[in-house]
């Protein structure tokens, strides 16, 4: 290596040497997060009066209603806008790994909105111990996925969207079981879990440099989560059949 080349590398800025992300999308991401937060709070005020505060499935009914805005609307839109802006998933993964260009501002918005949705639950509503544990595990996993495993961020983002759509279906069923039956909820949850497991598989292929132990931990944890969700959905479906038989007898 010539002296001139070495000198030019040493004189490079620290940001260039350590490949810091580009934080210029943050102001736009902050605006998206602010709009989401205001919408969430306004919808909460309305939902408490309309659907009530009765606990249903470990969370209040109003939370199931308000969550649909994020689960079926905000998160899918953020994902597909970010995907289209990056061209394709592979290019998005490569840019996330390089970290020089940073994430699309929709990615930054997702990184803030998803954990905020769960952290707000601790402040705004009563949660069952199981839901509290679920939220804490999800927040910790989210921090890991958005920082340590940056290359696989697109697969993680897609997996979260798939899982939240499935959870949204459960919320719709809880709020209006006649318009969205338990059978429909079970079908949507099954598709949701299968897509999420596919995203986990893609996550491991993009994140192979992290080591097999780390990948096995993620696969095991994600698989257990999907199995638990599927089991809960099947129980709701089975109990709905029992309830319908009892109603007919009456």
Protein backbone atom coordinates (compact mmCIF):
# COMPACT_ATOMS: atom_id res chain seq x y z
CA UNK A 1 0.00 0.00 0.00
CA UNK A 2 1.45 3.37 -0.99
CA UNK A 3 1.97 6.15 1.56
CA UNK A 4 -0.53 8.41 -0.26
CA UNK A 5 -3.30 5.78 -0.16
CA UNK A 6 -2.68 5.10 3.53
CA UNK A 7 -2.69 8.81 4.33
CA UNK A 8 -5.94 9.35 2.47
CA UNK A 9 -7.62 6.55 4.46
CA UNK A 10 -6.36 7.92 7.76
CA UNK A 11 -7.61 11.39 6.88
CA UNK A 12 -11.13 10.14 6.16
CA UNK A 13 -13.85 11.34 8.47
CA UNK A 14 -14.75 9.11 11.46
CA UNK A 15 -18.28 8.67 10.05
CA UNK A 16 -16.81 7.23 6.85
CA UNK A 17 -14.47 4.88 8.68
CA UNK A 18 -17.09 3.32 10.95
CA UNK A 19 -19.92 3.41 8.35
CA UNK A 20 -22.39 5.41 10.42
CA UNK A 21 -25.97 5.39 9.05
CA UNK A 22 -27.43 8.40 7.34
CA UNK A 23 -29.72 10.06 9.86
CA UNK A 24 -31.22 12.57 7.43
CA UNK A 25 -34.50 10.57 7.12
CA UNK A 26 -35.14 11.02 10.86
CA UNK A 27 -37.11 14.30 10.64
CA UNK A 28 -39.58 12.74 8.18
CA UNK A 29 -39.75 9.59 10.29
CA UNK A 30 -40.43 11.68 13.38
CA UNK A 31 -43.33 13.36 11.59
CA UNK A 32 -44.82 9.96 10.70
CA UNK A 33 -44.44 8.80 14.32
CA UNK A 34 -46.05 11.99 15.62
CA UNK A 35 -49.03 11.61 13.28
CA UNK A 36 -49.40 7.98 14.36
CA UNK A 37 -49.25 8.90 18.05
CA UNK A 38 -51.89 11.62 17.73
CA UNK A 39 -54.14 9.26 15.78
CA UNK A 40 -53.64 6.50 18.33
CA UNK A 41 -54.50 8.76 21.26
CA UNK A 42 -57.55 10.24 19.54
CA UNK A 43 -58.81 6.79 18.56
CA UNK A 44 -58.27 5.58 22.13
CA UNK A 45 -60.50 8.35 23.47
CA UNK A 46 -63.26 7.37 21.04
CA UNK A 47 -62.89 3.61 21.44
CA UNK A 48 -63.16 3.69 25.23
CA UNK A 49 -66.60 5.27 24.91
CA UNK A 50 -67.77 3.10 22.01
CA UNK A 51 -66.57 -0.45 22.78
CA UNK A 52 -65.83 -0.15 26.50
CA UNK A 53 -63.07 -1.30 28.82
CA UNK A 54 -64.10 -4.93 29.41
CA UNK A 55 -61.12 -7.33 29.32
CA UNK A 56 -61.19 -9.70 26.36
CA UNK A 57 -58.29 -12.03 25.57
CA UNK A 58 -55.95 -10.37 28.07
CA UNK A 59 -56.49 -6.79 26.85
CA UNK A 60 -59.35 -4.27 27.05
CA UNK A 61 -61.80 -4.24 24.14
CA UNK A 62 -60.91 -0.64 23.29
CA UNK A 63 -57.26 -1.67 22.84
CA UNK A 64 -58.28 -4.39 20.37
CA UNK A 65 -60.19 -1.77 18.38
CA UNK A 66 -57.47 0.89 18.42
CA UNK A 67 -54.76 -1.64 17.61
CA UNK A 68 -56.39 -2.40 14.27
CA UNK A 69 -55.30 0.99 12.96
CA UNK A 70 -51.65 0.05 13.40
CA UNK A 71 -51.91 -3.69 12.74
CA UNK A 72 -53.95 -3.60 9.54
CA UNK A 73 -53.14 -0.11 8.32
CA UNK A 74 -49.99 1.67 9.48
CA UNK A 75 -47.48 -1.19 9.63
CA UNK A 76 -48.33 -2.76 6.24
CA UNK A 77 -48.19 0.67 4.57
CA UNK A 78 -44.82 1.46 6.15
CA UNK A 79 -43.41 -1.87 4.98
CA UNK A 80 -44.57 -1.71 1.38
CA UNK A 81 -43.54 1.93 0.93
CA UNK A 82 -40.07 1.10 2.26
CA UNK A 83 -39.86 -2.02 0.07
CA UNK A 84 -40.86 -0.15 -3.10
CA UNK A 85 -38.46 2.67 -2.28
CA UNK A 86 -35.58 0.20 -1.93
CA UNK A 87 -36.37 -1.57 -5.21
CA UNK A 88 -36.44 -5.10 -3.83
CA UNK A 89 -35.87 -7.01 -0.62
CA UNK A 90 -32.30 -8.08 -1.50
CA UNK A 91 -31.23 -4.53 -2.25
CA UNK A 92 -32.86 -3.37 0.95
CA UNK A 93 -30.94 -6.03 2.89
CA UNK A 94 -27.63 -5.05 1.29
CA UNK A 95 -28.15 -1.37 2.09
CA UNK A 96 -29.15 -2.19 5.66
CA UNK A 97 -25.97 -4.24 6.09
CA UNK A 98 -23.73 -1.53 4.62
CA UNK A 99 -25.44 1.02 6.86
CA UNK A 100 -23.94 3.88 4.83
CA UNK A 101 -27.23 4.94 3.32
CA UNK A 102 -29.25 4.17 6.44
CA UNK A 103 -32.85 3.02 6.45
CA UNK A 104 -35.68 4.54 4.48
CA UNK A 105 -37.60 6.95 6.72
CA UNK A 106 -40.50 4.47 6.80
CA UNK A 107 -38.09 1.95 8.32
CA UNK A 108 -37.11 4.44 11.00
CA UNK A 109 -40.80 5.12 11.63
CA UNK A 110 -41.48 1.40 12.07
CA UNK A 111 -38.50 1.10 14.42
CA UNK A 112 -40.19 3.65 16.70
CA UNK A 113 -43.90 2.89 16.24
CA UNK A 114 -43.89 -0.87 16.87
CA UNK A 115 -42.31 -0.79 20.35
CA UNK A 116 -44.21 2.40 21.22
CA UNK A 117 -47.50 0.60 20.57
CA UNK A 118 -46.61 -1.98 23.23
CA UNK A 119 -44.95 0.39 25.69
CA UNK A 120 -48.04 2.62 25.66
CA UNK A 121 -50.07 -0.39 26.79
CA UNK A 122 -48.20 -0.46 30.09
CA UNK A 123 -49.29 3.12 30.74
CA UNK A 124 -52.77 3.25 29.23
CA UNK A 125 -54.44 -0.08 29.98
CA UNK A 126 -54.56 -3.10 32.23
CA UNK A 127 -52.72 -6.13 30.87
CA UNK A 128 -52.64 -9.77 31.88
CA UNK A 129 -49.24 -11.12 33.04
CA UNK A 130 -48.98 -13.16 29.82
CA UNK A 131 -49.52 -10.11 27.61
CA UNK A 132 -47.01 -8.12 29.68
CA UNK A 133 -44.38 -10.83 29.21
CA UNK A 134 -45.20 -10.97 25.49
CA UNK A 135 -44.73 -7.20 25.13
CA UNK A 136 -41.39 -7.20 26.97
CA UNK A 137 -40.00 -10.05 24.86
CA UNK A 138 -41.16 -8.33 21.67
CA UNK A 139 -39.54 -5.02 22.63
CA UNK A 140 -36.22 -6.70 23.45
CA UNK A 141 -36.32 -8.68 20.21
CA UNK A 142 -37.16 -5.51 18.30
CA UNK A 143 -34.10 -3.70 19.66
CA UNK A 144 -31.90 -6.65 18.66
CA UNK A 145 -33.40 -6.91 15.16
CA UNK A 146 -33.04 -3.19 14.45
CA UNK A 147 -29.44 -2.89 15.67
CA UNK A 148 -27.38 -6.09 15.87
CA UNK A 149 -29.01 -7.91 12.95
CA UNK A 150 -29.29 -4.98 10.54
CA UNK A 151 -28.77 -7.05 7.38
CA UNK A 152 -31.92 -9.05 8.08
CA UNK A 153 -34.04 -6.01 8.94
CA UNK A 154 -36.32 -6.35 5.86
CA UNK A 155 -37.16 -9.97 6.75
CA UNK A 156 -37.84 -9.00 10.36
CA UNK A 157 -40.05 -6.08 9.26
CA UNK A 158 -42.05 -8.39 6.98
CA UNK A 159 -42.41 -10.98 9.74
CA UNK A 160 -43.74 -8.41 12.19
CA UNK A 161 -46.28 -7.18 9.63
CA UNK A 162 -47.45 -10.77 9.01
CA UNK A 163 -47.84 -11.46 12.73
CA UNK A 164 -49.64 -8.19 13.40
CA UNK A 165 -52.11 -8.81 10.57
CA UNK A 166 -52.91 -12.15 12.19
CA UNK A 167 -53.34 -10.47 15.57
CA UNK A 168 -55.55 -7.88 13.92
CA UNK A 169 -57.80 -10.66 12.67
CA UNK A 170 -58.15 -11.89 16.24
CA UNK A 171 -59.08 -8.37 17.32
CA UNK A 172 -61.75 -8.10 14.64
CA UNK A 173 -63.22 -11.44 15.75
CA UNK A 174 -63.28 -10.36 19.39
CA UNK A 175 -65.07 -7.13 18.50
CA UNK A 176 -67.49 -8.58 15.95
CA UNK A 177 -67.59 -12.41 15.91
CA UNK A 178 -70.62 -12.47 13.60
CA UNK A 179 -68.98 -10.44 10.84
CA UNK A 180 -65.59 -12.22 11.16
CA UNK A 181 -66.11 -15.78 12.36
CA UNK A 182 -63.70 -17.85 14.40
CA UNK A 183 -63.07 -20.03 11.33
CA UNK A 184 -62.00 -16.98 9.31
CA UNK A 185 -59.82 -15.83 12.20
CA UNK A 186 -58.15 -19.26 12.37
CA UNK A 187 -57.44 -19.27 8.62
CA UNK A 188 -55.92 -15.78 8.77
CA UNK A 189 -53.85 -16.66 11.84
CA UNK A 190 -52.54 -19.80 10.12
CA UNK A 191 -51.49 -17.86 7.03
CA UNK A 192 -49.97 -15.18 9.26
CA UNK A 193 -47.86 -17.69 11.19
CA UNK A 194 -46.70 -19.51 8.05
CA UNK A 195 -45.63 -16.25 6.38
CA UNK A 196 -43.85 -15.19 9.56
CA UNK A 197 -41.94 -18.51 9.69
CA UNK A 198 -40.97 -17.98 6.06
CA UNK A 199 -39.60 -14.57 7.03
CA UNK A 200 -37.62 -16.20 9.84
CA UNK A 201 -36.07 -18.58 7.32
CA UNK A 202 -35.13 -15.64 5.11
CA UNK A 203 -33.76 -13.86 8.18
CA UNK A 204 -31.34 -16.73 8.83
CA UNK A 205 -30.12 -16.78 5.21
CA UNK A 206 -29.36 -13.05 5.29
CA UNK A 207 -27.83 -13.20 8.75
CA UNK A 208 -25.60 -16.26 8.38
CA UNK A 209 -22.49 -14.37 9.52
CA UNK A 210 -23.96 -14.06 13.03
CA UNK A 211 -23.32 -17.75 13.77
CA UNK A 212 -25.48 -20.85 14.03
CA UNK A 213 -26.19 -20.50 17.76
CA UNK A 214 -27.72 -17.07 17.32
CA UNK A 215 -29.77 -18.21 14.33
CA UNK A 216 -31.03 -21.29 16.19
CA UNK A 217 -32.12 -19.12 19.11
CA UNK A 218 -34.10 -16.83 16.82
CA UNK A 219 -35.68 -19.76 14.96
CA UNK A 220 -36.63 -21.52 18.20
CA UNK A 221 -38.08 -18.40 19.83
CA UNK A 222 -40.03 -17.43 16.73
CA UNK A 223 -41.35 -20.96 16.23
CA UNK A 224 -42.56 -21.17 19.83
CA UNK A 225 -44.30 -17.82 19.44
CA UNK A 226 -46.07 -18.95 16.27
CA UNK A 227 -47.07 -22.26 17.85
CA UNK A 228 -48.52 -20.47 20.88
CA UNK A 229 -50.46 -18.09 18.63
CA UNK A 230 -51.78 -20.99 16.55
CA UNK A 231 -52.81 -22.90 19.65
CA UNK A 232 -54.67 -19.89 21.05
CA UNK A 233 -56.48 -19.37 17.74
CA UNK A 234 -57.51 -23.04 17.62
CA UNK A 235 -58.84 -22.84 21.17
CA UNK A 236 -60.93 -19.79 20.27
CA UNK A 237 -62.24 -21.63 17.20
CA UNK A 238 -63.14 -24.74 19.20
CA UNK A 239 -64.85 -22.74 21.96
CA UNK A 240 -66.85 -20.80 19.38
CA UNK A 241 -68.34 -24.07 18.14
CA UNK A 242 -69.35 -25.01 21.67
CA UNK A 243 -70.95 -21.59 22.22
CA UNK A 244 -72.96 -21.87 18.99
CA UNK A 245 -74.29 -25.30 20.02
CA UNK A 246 -75.32 -23.95 23.42
CA UNK A 247 -77.13 -21.04 21.80
CA UNK A 248 -79.03 -23.38 19.50
CA UNK A 249 -80.10 -25.51 22.46
CA UNK A 250 -81.44 -22.46 24.26
